[in-house]
Amino acid sequence: MILLTVSLLIGFSIYSPEAKAQSDPHERLNKEPFDHTYALYNSLLGRYVRDARVDYKGFLTSREELKEFLKSLGDVGQGEYQKWTEPEKLAFWINAYNAFTIEAILENYPVNRRFSLIGLFVPSNSILQIRACGTVSNGALPEGL
């Protein structure tokens, strides 16, 4: 759970650098309300997920759309978030986790076996082969987290 929270916080800081300059953390950076239908993300999933399998190679062609979705997650202000229902909050975190996981894989695509102890015990194309996924090492976190 800590890794999920840390990865999401890191992801938000990557995709929403304006957040630090924002004067009121309760306001939304983008003045349009958050899309709880997840239309853009659902469109991407509809194109690149079949039978619970992700076509990462195909996903690479729509990387800018994924980044746009990730940015929309980072644009959510605290005040806006606090007004959401519990199901809306849960959907937000599940979709954020999954979208940032896809982005981590795309950043390292194709995933190859790494030369380490863990690399010997997990499949060669597993997300655990990506050094930043599954572990947090000293110095891996931004200052202040």
N, C-alpha and C. Protein backbone atom coordinates (compact mmCIF):
# COMPACT_ATOMS: atom_id res chain seq x y z
N MET A 1 0.83 -1.19 0.00
CA MET A 1 0.00 0.00 0.00
C MET A 1 0.87 1.25 0.00
N ILE A 2 1.98 1.22 0.73
CA ILE A 2 2.87 2.37 0.76
C ILE A 2 3.46 2.59 -0.62
N LEU A 3 3.86 1.50 -1.30
CA LEU A 3 4.43 1.62 -2.64
C LEU A 3 3.43 2.22 -3.60
N LEU A 4 2.15 1.79 -3.52
CA LEU A 4 1.11 2.35 -4.36
C LEU A 4 1.00 3.85 -4.13
N THR A 5 0.92 4.27 -2.88
CA THR A 5 0.80 5.68 -2.56
C THR A 5 2.01 6.47 -3.05
N VAL A 6 3.20 5.93 -2.82
CA VAL A 6 4.42 6.61 -3.25
C VAL A 6 4.46 6.71 -4.77
N SER A 7 4.13 5.62 -5.46
CA SER A 7 4.19 5.66 -6.92
C SER A 7 3.18 6.63 -7.48
N LEU A 8 2.00 6.72 -6.87
CA LEU A 8 1.01 7.67 -7.34
C LEU A 8 1.46 9.10 -7.06
N LEU A 9 2.03 9.35 -5.89
CA LEU A 9 2.53 10.69 -5.59
C LEU A 9 3.65 11.09 -6.53
N ILE A 10 4.54 10.16 -6.82
CA ILE A 10 5.62 10.45 -7.76
C ILE A 10 5.04 10.72 -9.14
N GLY A 11 4.09 9.89 -9.54
CA GLY A 11 3.45 10.08 -10.84
C GLY A 11 2.75 11.41 -10.94
N PHE A 12 2.03 11.81 -9.89
CA PHE A 12 1.36 13.09 -9.92
C PHE A 12 2.34 14.24 -10.04
N SER A 13 3.47 14.13 -9.38
CA SER A 13 4.43 15.22 -9.46
C SER A 13 5.07 15.27 -10.85
N ILE A 14 5.17 14.13 -11.51
CA ILE A 14 5.73 14.11 -12.87
C ILE A 14 4.75 14.73 -13.85
N TYR A 15 3.47 14.40 -13.72
CA TYR A 15 2.49 14.82 -14.70
C TYR A 15 1.78 16.11 -14.35
N SER A 16 2.04 16.66 -13.20
CA SER A 16 1.40 17.90 -12.83
C SER A 16 2.37 18.81 -12.09
N PRO A 17 3.42 19.28 -12.78
CA PRO A 17 4.39 20.15 -12.10
C PRO A 17 3.79 21.48 -11.68
N GLU A 18 2.67 21.87 -12.31
CA GLU A 18 2.05 23.13 -11.96
C GLU A 18 1.48 23.09 -10.55
N ALA A 19 1.27 21.87 -10.03
CA ALA A 19 0.63 21.73 -8.72
C ALA A 19 1.41 22.44 -7.63
N LYS A 20 2.73 22.45 -7.74
CA LYS A 20 3.55 23.10 -6.72
C LYS A 20 3.35 24.62 -6.73
N ALA A 21 3.05 25.17 -7.90
CA ALA A 21 2.88 26.61 -8.01
C ALA A 21 1.44 27.03 -7.74
N GLN A 22 0.56 26.07 -7.60
CA GLN A 22 -0.85 26.35 -7.38
C GLN A 22 -1.03 27.07 -6.04
N SER A 23 -1.78 28.17 -6.04
CA SER A 23 -1.93 28.94 -4.81
C SER A 23 -2.92 28.27 -3.85
N ASP A 24 -3.98 27.67 -4.35
CA ASP A 24 -4.96 27.03 -3.49
C ASP A 24 -5.03 25.55 -3.84
N PRO A 25 -4.52 24.68 -2.96
CA PRO A 25 -4.50 23.25 -3.26
C PRO A 25 -5.89 22.63 -3.34
N HIS A 26 -6.92 23.36 -2.93
CA HIS A 26 -8.28 22.85 -3.00
C HIS A 26 -8.90 23.08 -4.37
N GLU A 27 -8.29 23.94 -5.19
CA GLU A 27 -8.82 24.24 -6.52
C GLU A 27 -8.26 23.27 -7.54
N ARG A 28 -9.06 23.05 -8.57
CA ARG A 28 -8.64 22.21 -9.68
C ARG A 28 -7.80 23.05 -10.63
N LEU A 29 -6.67 22.48 -11.11
CA LEU A 29 -5.82 23.20 -12.04
C LEU A 29 -6.55 23.43 -13.37
N ASN A 30 -7.21 22.40 -13.85
CA ASN A 30 -8.00 22.49 -15.06
C ASN A 30 -9.41 22.84 -14.60
N LYS A 31 -9.99 23.88 -15.10
CA LYS A 31 -11.29 24.34 -14.60
C LYS A 31 -12.45 23.43 -15.00
N GLU A 32 -12.23 22.51 -15.95
CA GLU A 32 -13.29 21.57 -16.32
C GLU A 32 -13.42 20.52 -15.22
N PRO A 33 -14.65 20.09 -14.92
CA PRO A 33 -14.81 19.06 -13.88
C PRO A 33 -14.17 17.74 -14.31
N PHE A 34 -13.76 16.96 -13.34
CA PHE A 34 -13.14 15.67 -13.62
C PHE A 34 -14.15 14.74 -14.29
N ASP A 35 -13.70 14.00 -15.28
CA ASP A 35 -14.55 13.10 -16.04
C ASP A 35 -14.65 11.75 -15.33
N HIS A 36 -15.71 11.58 -14.55
CA HIS A 36 -15.90 10.32 -13.82
C HIS A 36 -16.34 9.18 -14.72
N THR A 37 -16.56 9.44 -16.01
CA THR A 37 -16.86 8.34 -16.94
C THR A 37 -15.57 7.73 -17.46
N TYR A 38 -14.45 8.41 -17.24
CA TYR A 38 -13.13 7.95 -17.69
C TYR A 38 -13.13 7.65 -19.20
N ALA A 39 -13.78 8.54 -19.97
CA ALA A 39 -13.96 8.31 -21.40
C ALA A 39 -12.63 8.10 -22.13
N LEU A 40 -11.65 8.95 -21.88
CA LEU A 40 -10.37 8.83 -22.57
C LEU A 40 -9.67 7.53 -22.19
N TYR A 41 -9.62 7.23 -20.91
CA TYR A 41 -8.97 6.01 -20.43
C TYR A 41 -9.70 4.76 -20.94
N ASN A 42 -11.04 4.78 -20.89
CA ASN A 42 -11.81 3.65 -21.39
C ASN A 42 -11.60 3.44 -22.88
N SER A 43 -11.44 4.53 -23.61
CA SER A 43 -11.14 4.43 -25.04
C SER A 43 -9.81 3.71 -25.27
N LEU A 44 -8.81 4.09 -24.50
CA LEU A 44 -7.50 3.44 -24.60
C LEU A 44 -7.59 1.96 -24.24
N LEU A 45 -8.29 1.65 -23.16
CA LEU A 45 -8.43 0.25 -22.75
C LEU A 45 -9.19 -0.54 -23.80
N GLY A 46 -10.19 0.06 -24.39
CA GLY A 46 -10.97 -0.60 -25.43
C GLY A 46 -10.14 -0.96 -26.65
N ARG A 47 -9.16 -0.12 -26.95
CA ARG A 47 -8.29 -0.37 -28.11
C ARG A 47 -7.19 -1.37 -27.82
N TYR A 48 -6.68 -1.40 -26.58
CA TYR A 48 -5.45 -2.15 -26.32
C TYR A 48 -5.56 -3.27 -25.29
N VAL A 49 -6.76 -3.56 -24.81
CA VAL A 49 -6.93 -4.66 -23.87
C VAL A 49 -7.95 -5.63 -24.45
N ARG A 50 -7.54 -6.89 -24.59
CA ARG A 50 -8.41 -7.96 -25.08
C ARG A 50 -8.23 -9.17 -24.18
N ASP A 51 -9.33 -9.70 -23.69
CA ASP A 51 -9.30 -10.90 -22.85
C ASP A 51 -8.30 -10.74 -21.69
N ALA A 52 -8.34 -9.58 -21.04
CA ALA A 52 -7.49 -9.26 -19.88
C ALA A 52 -6.00 -9.23 -20.22
N ARG A 53 -5.67 -9.10 -21.49
CA ARG A 53 -4.26 -8.99 -21.90
C ARG A 53 -4.05 -7.63 -22.57
N VAL A 54 -2.99 -6.95 -22.17
CA VAL A 54 -2.70 -5.60 -22.66
C VAL A 54 -1.72 -5.68 -23.83
N ASP A 55 -2.06 -4.99 -24.92
CA ASP A 55 -1.18 -4.87 -26.08
C ASP A 55 -0.30 -3.63 -25.85
N TYR A 56 0.82 -3.83 -25.14
CA TYR A 56 1.68 -2.69 -24.79
C TYR A 56 2.33 -2.08 -26.03
N LYS A 57 2.69 -2.90 -26.98
CA LYS A 57 3.29 -2.38 -28.21
C LYS A 57 2.31 -1.45 -28.92
N GLY A 58 1.05 -1.85 -28.98
CA GLY A 58 0.03 -0.98 -29.57
C GLY A 58 -0.20 0.26 -28.73
N PHE A 59 -0.17 0.08 -27.40
CA PHE A 59 -0.38 1.20 -26.47
C PHE A 59 0.65 2.30 -26.69
N LEU A 60 1.84 1.90 -27.11
CA LEU A 60 2.91 2.89 -27.34
C LEU A 60 2.49 3.94 -28.37
N THR A 61 1.64 3.56 -29.31
CA THR A 61 1.22 4.50 -30.36
C THR A 61 0.26 5.56 -29.82
N SER A 62 -0.30 5.33 -28.65
CA SER A 62 -1.25 6.28 -28.04
C SER A 62 -0.73 6.82 -26.72
N ARG A 63 0.55 6.89 -26.59
CA ARG A 63 1.17 7.30 -25.33
C ARG A 63 0.78 8.72 -24.92
N GLU A 64 0.63 9.61 -25.88
CA GLU A 64 0.25 10.99 -25.54
C GLU A 64 -1.15 11.04 -24.93
N GLU A 65 -2.04 10.20 -25.41
CA GLU A 65 -3.39 10.15 -24.83
C GLU A 65 -3.32 9.65 -23.39
N LEU A 66 -2.48 8.65 -23.16
CA LEU A 66 -2.32 8.16 -21.79
C LEU A 66 -1.76 9.25 -20.89
N LYS A 67 -0.77 9.98 -21.39
CA LYS A 67 -0.20 11.07 -20.59
C LYS A 67 -1.24 12.16 -20.30
N GLU A 68 -2.11 12.40 -21.26
CA GLU A 68 -3.19 13.37 -21.05
C GLU A 68 -4.11 12.90 -19.92
N PHE A 69 -4.42 11.61 -19.91
CA PHE A 69 -5.25 11.06 -18.84
C PHE A 69 -4.53 11.17 -17.49
N LEU A 70 -3.26 10.81 -17.46
CA LEU A 70 -2.50 10.89 -16.22
C LEU A 70 -2.45 12.32 -15.70
N LYS A 71 -2.31 13.27 -16.60
CA LYS A 71 -2.30 14.68 -16.20
C LYS A 71 -3.64 15.07 -15.59
N SER A 72 -4.73 14.56 -16.16
CA SER A 72 -6.06 14.88 -15.62
C SER A 72 -6.20 14.36 -14.19
N LEU A 73 -5.54 13.25 -13.89
CA LEU A 73 -5.56 12.74 -12.51
C LEU A 73 -4.82 13.70 -11.58
N GLY A 74 -3.69 14.21 -12.05
CA GLY A 74 -2.90 15.13 -11.25
C GLY A 74 -3.53 16.50 -11.09
N ASP A 75 -4.48 16.82 -11.95
CA ASP A 75 -5.15 18.12 -11.88
C ASP A 75 -6.25 18.18 -10.83
N VAL A 76 -6.60 17.06 -10.26
CA VAL A 76 -7.68 17.03 -9.27
C VAL A 76 -7.22 17.71 -7.99
N GLY A 77 -7.97 18.71 -7.59
CA GLY A 77 -7.65 19.43 -6.36
C GLY A 77 -8.24 18.74 -5.14
N GLN A 78 -7.70 19.04 -3.99
CA GLN A 78 -8.14 18.41 -2.75
C GLN A 78 -9.61 18.72 -2.47
N GLY A 79 -10.02 19.95 -2.72
CA GLY A 79 -11.41 20.33 -2.47
C GLY A 79 -12.37 19.58 -3.36
N GLU A 80 -12.00 19.43 -4.62
CA GLU A 80 -12.84 18.68 -5.55
C GLU A 80 -12.93 17.22 -5.11
N TYR A 81 -11.79 16.64 -4.78
CA TYR A 81 -11.74 15.23 -4.36
C TYR A 81 -12.62 14.98 -3.13
N GLN A 82 -12.58 15.90 -2.18
CA GLN A 82 -13.34 15.72 -0.93
C GLN A 82 -14.85 15.72 -1.17
N LYS A 83 -15.30 16.29 -2.29
CA LYS A 83 -16.73 16.33 -2.60
C LYS A 83 -17.22 15.05 -3.26
N TRP A 84 -16.31 14.18 -3.67
CA TRP A 84 -16.70 12.96 -4.36
C TRP A 84 -17.29 11.94 -3.41
N THR A 85 -18.10 11.04 -3.97
CA THR A 85 -18.64 9.92 -3.19
C THR A 85 -17.54 8.89 -2.98
N GLU A 86 -17.75 7.99 -2.05
CA GLU A 86 -16.76 6.92 -1.81
C GLU A 86 -16.53 6.07 -3.07
N PRO A 87 -17.59 5.68 -3.81
CA PRO A 87 -17.34 4.92 -5.05
C PRO A 87 -16.53 5.71 -6.08
N GLU A 88 -16.74 7.03 -6.17
CA GLU A 88 -15.96 7.85 -7.10
C GLU A 88 -14.49 7.89 -6.69
N LYS A 89 -14.24 7.99 -5.39
CA LYS A 89 -12.87 7.99 -4.89
C LYS A 89 -12.19 6.65 -5.16
N LEU A 90 -12.89 5.56 -4.91
CA LEU A 90 -12.33 4.23 -5.14
C LEU A 90 -12.03 4.02 -6.62
N ALA A 91 -12.95 4.41 -7.50
CA ALA A 91 -12.72 4.29 -8.94
C ALA A 91 -11.50 5.11 -9.36
N PHE A 92 -11.37 6.30 -8.80
CA PHE A 92 -10.23 7.17 -9.11
C PHE A 92 -8.91 6.47 -8.79
N TRP A 93 -8.80 5.92 -7.57
CA TRP A 93 -7.55 5.30 -7.16
C TRP A 93 -7.25 4.01 -7.92
N ILE A 94 -8.26 3.23 -8.20
CA ILE A 94 -8.04 2.00 -8.98
C ILE A 94 -7.57 2.35 -10.38
N ASN A 95 -8.25 3.30 -11.02
CA ASN A 95 -7.87 3.70 -12.38
C ASN A 95 -6.49 4.38 -12.39
N ALA A 96 -6.21 5.18 -11.38
CA ALA A 96 -4.90 5.83 -11.30
C ALA A 96 -3.79 4.79 -11.16
N TYR A 97 -3.97 3.84 -10.26
CA TYR A 97 -2.97 2.79 -10.07
C TYR A 97 -2.72 2.03 -11.38
N ASN A 98 -3.80 1.62 -12.03
CA ASN A 98 -3.65 0.86 -13.27
C ASN A 98 -3.02 1.68 -14.38
N ALA A 99 -3.42 2.93 -14.52
CA ALA A 99 -2.87 3.78 -15.58
C ALA A 99 -1.39 4.07 -15.35
N PHE A 100 -1.00 4.34 -14.10
CA PHE A 100 0.42 4.59 -13.83
C PHE A 100 1.25 3.31 -13.97
N THR A 101 0.63 2.16 -13.72
CA THR A 101 1.32 0.88 -13.94
C THR A 101 1.57 0.69 -15.44
N ILE A 102 0.57 0.97 -16.25
CA ILE A 102 0.75 0.88 -17.71
C ILE A 102 1.85 1.82 -18.15
N GLU A 103 1.86 3.04 -17.64
CA GLU A 103 2.90 4.01 -18.01
C GLU A 103 4.28 3.51 -17.60
N ALA A 104 4.40 2.91 -16.42
CA ALA A 104 5.71 2.38 -15.98
C ALA A 104 6.19 1.28 -16.94
N ILE A 105 5.28 0.45 -17.37
CA ILE A 105 5.65 -0.60 -18.31
C ILE A 105 6.04 0.00 -19.66
N LEU A 106 5.28 0.97 -20.14
CA LEU A 106 5.60 1.59 -21.43
C LEU A 106 6.96 2.30 -21.39
N GLU A 107 7.29 2.90 -20.25
CA GLU A 107 8.60 3.55 -20.10
C GLU A 107 9.74 2.56 -20.21
N ASN A 108 9.48 1.31 -19.92
CA ASN A 108 10.51 0.27 -19.91
C ASN A 108 10.27 -0.81 -20.96
N TYR A 109 9.40 -0.54 -21.91
CA TYR A 109 9.03 -1.54 -22.91
C TYR A 109 10.13 -1.70 -23.95
N PRO A 110 10.44 -2.91 -24.37
CA PRO A 110 9.94 -4.17 -23.85
C PRO A 110 10.62 -4.51 -22.52
N VAL A 111 9.86 -5.14 -21.64
CA VAL A 111 10.39 -5.54 -20.34
C VAL A 111 11.28 -6.76 -20.53
N ASN A 112 12.48 -6.68 -20.05
CA ASN A 112 13.43 -7.78 -20.17
C ASN A 112 13.90 -8.24 -18.81
N ARG A 113 14.36 -9.46 -18.76
CA ARG A 113 14.88 -10.01 -17.51
C ARG A 113 16.06 -9.16 -17.05
N ARG A 114 16.05 -8.80 -15.78
CA ARG A 114 17.19 -8.07 -15.23
C ARG A 114 18.09 -9.05 -14.49
N PHE A 115 19.32 -8.67 -14.39
CA PHE A 115 20.29 -9.53 -13.73
C PHE A 115 20.33 -9.22 -12.24
N SER A 116 19.49 -9.93 -11.52
CA SER A 116 19.43 -9.79 -10.06
C SER A 116 18.81 -11.07 -9.52
N LEU A 117 18.81 -11.19 -8.23
CA LEU A 117 18.23 -12.37 -7.60
C LEU A 117 16.76 -12.50 -7.95
N ILE A 118 16.01 -11.39 -7.87
CA ILE A 118 14.58 -11.46 -8.18
C ILE A 118 14.36 -11.82 -9.65
N GLY A 119 15.27 -11.38 -10.52
CA GLY A 119 15.15 -11.67 -11.94
C GLY A 119 15.17 -13.15 -12.25
N LEU A 120 15.73 -13.94 -11.37
CA LEU A 120 15.79 -15.39 -11.58
C LEU A 120 14.48 -16.09 -11.21
N PHE A 121 13.65 -15.46 -10.38
CA PHE A 121 12.48 -16.13 -9.84
C PHE A 121 11.14 -15.64 -10.37
N VAL A 122 11.14 -14.65 -11.21
CA VAL A 122 9.89 -14.15 -11.78
C VAL A 122 9.98 -14.25 -13.30
N PRO A 123 8.84 -14.33 -13.99
CA PRO A 123 8.88 -14.43 -15.46
C PRO A 123 9.67 -13.29 -16.08
N SER A 124 10.28 -13.55 -17.21
CA SER A 124 11.16 -12.56 -17.84
C SER A 124 10.43 -11.30 -18.27
N ASN A 125 9.12 -11.38 -18.51
CA ASN A 125 8.38 -10.19 -18.93
C ASN A 125 7.49 -9.63 -17.81
N SER A 126 7.75 -10.00 -16.56
CA SER A 126 6.98 -9.53 -15.42
C SER A 126 7.32 -8.08 -15.09
N ILE A 127 6.34 -7.36 -14.56
CA ILE A 127 6.57 -5.98 -14.12
C ILE A 127 7.63 -5.93 -13.01
N LEU A 128 7.79 -7.04 -12.29
CA LEU A 128 8.81 -7.08 -11.24
C LEU A 128 10.23 -7.02 -11.81
N GLN A 129 10.37 -7.20 -13.11
CA GLN A 129 11.67 -7.05 -13.76
C GLN A 129 12.06 -5.58 -13.89
N ILE A 130 11.09 -4.68 -13.76
CA ILE A 130 11.35 -3.24 -13.82
C ILE A 130 11.83 -2.81 -12.45
N ARG A 131 13.03 -2.27 -12.37
CA ARG A 131 13.65 -1.95 -11.09
C ARG A 131 12.78 -1.05 -10.20
N ALA A 132 12.11 -0.07 -10.75
CA ALA A 132 11.34 0.87 -9.94
C ALA A 132 10.00 0.29 -9.48
N CYS A 133 9.60 -0.82 -10.01
CA CYS A 133 8.32 -1.43 -9.63
C CYS A 133 8.56 -2.57 -8.66
N GLY A 134 7.86 -2.56 -7.58
CA GLY A 134 7.96 -3.64 -6.62
C GLY A 134 8.92 -3.40 -5.50
N THR A 135 9.82 -2.43 -5.64
CA THR A 135 10.76 -2.13 -4.57
C THR A 135 10.99 -0.62 -4.51
N VAL A 136 11.39 -0.16 -3.36
CA VAL A 136 11.78 1.23 -3.19
C VAL A 136 13.18 1.18 -2.58
N SER A 137 14.15 1.75 -3.28
CA SER A 137 15.51 1.71 -2.78
C SER A 137 15.89 3.08 -2.22
N ASN A 138 16.98 3.12 -1.47
CA ASN A 138 17.44 4.40 -0.92
C ASN A 138 17.69 5.39 -2.03
N GLY A 139 17.21 6.60 -1.83
CA GLY A 139 17.41 7.66 -2.80
C GLY A 139 16.45 7.63 -3.96
N ALA A 140 15.49 6.69 -3.98
CA ALA A 140 14.57 6.59 -5.10
C ALA A 140 13.41 7.58 -4.98
N LEU A 141 13.17 8.09 -3.79
CA LEU A 141 12.05 8.97 -3.60
C LEU A 141 12.48 10.43 -3.68
N PRO A 142 11.60 11.28 -4.22
CA PRO A 142 11.92 12.70 -4.24
C PRO A 142 12.05 13.23 -2.81
N GLU A 143 12.81 14.28 -2.66
CA GLU A 143 13.00 14.88 -1.35
C GLU A 143 11.65 15.33 -0.80
N GLY A 144 11.42 15.10 0.46
CA GLY A 144 10.19 15.52 1.09
C GLY A 144 9.14 14.44 1.21
N LEU A 145 9.35 13.29 0.58
CA LEU A 145 8.34 12.21 0.69
C LEU A 145 8.80 11.20 1.70
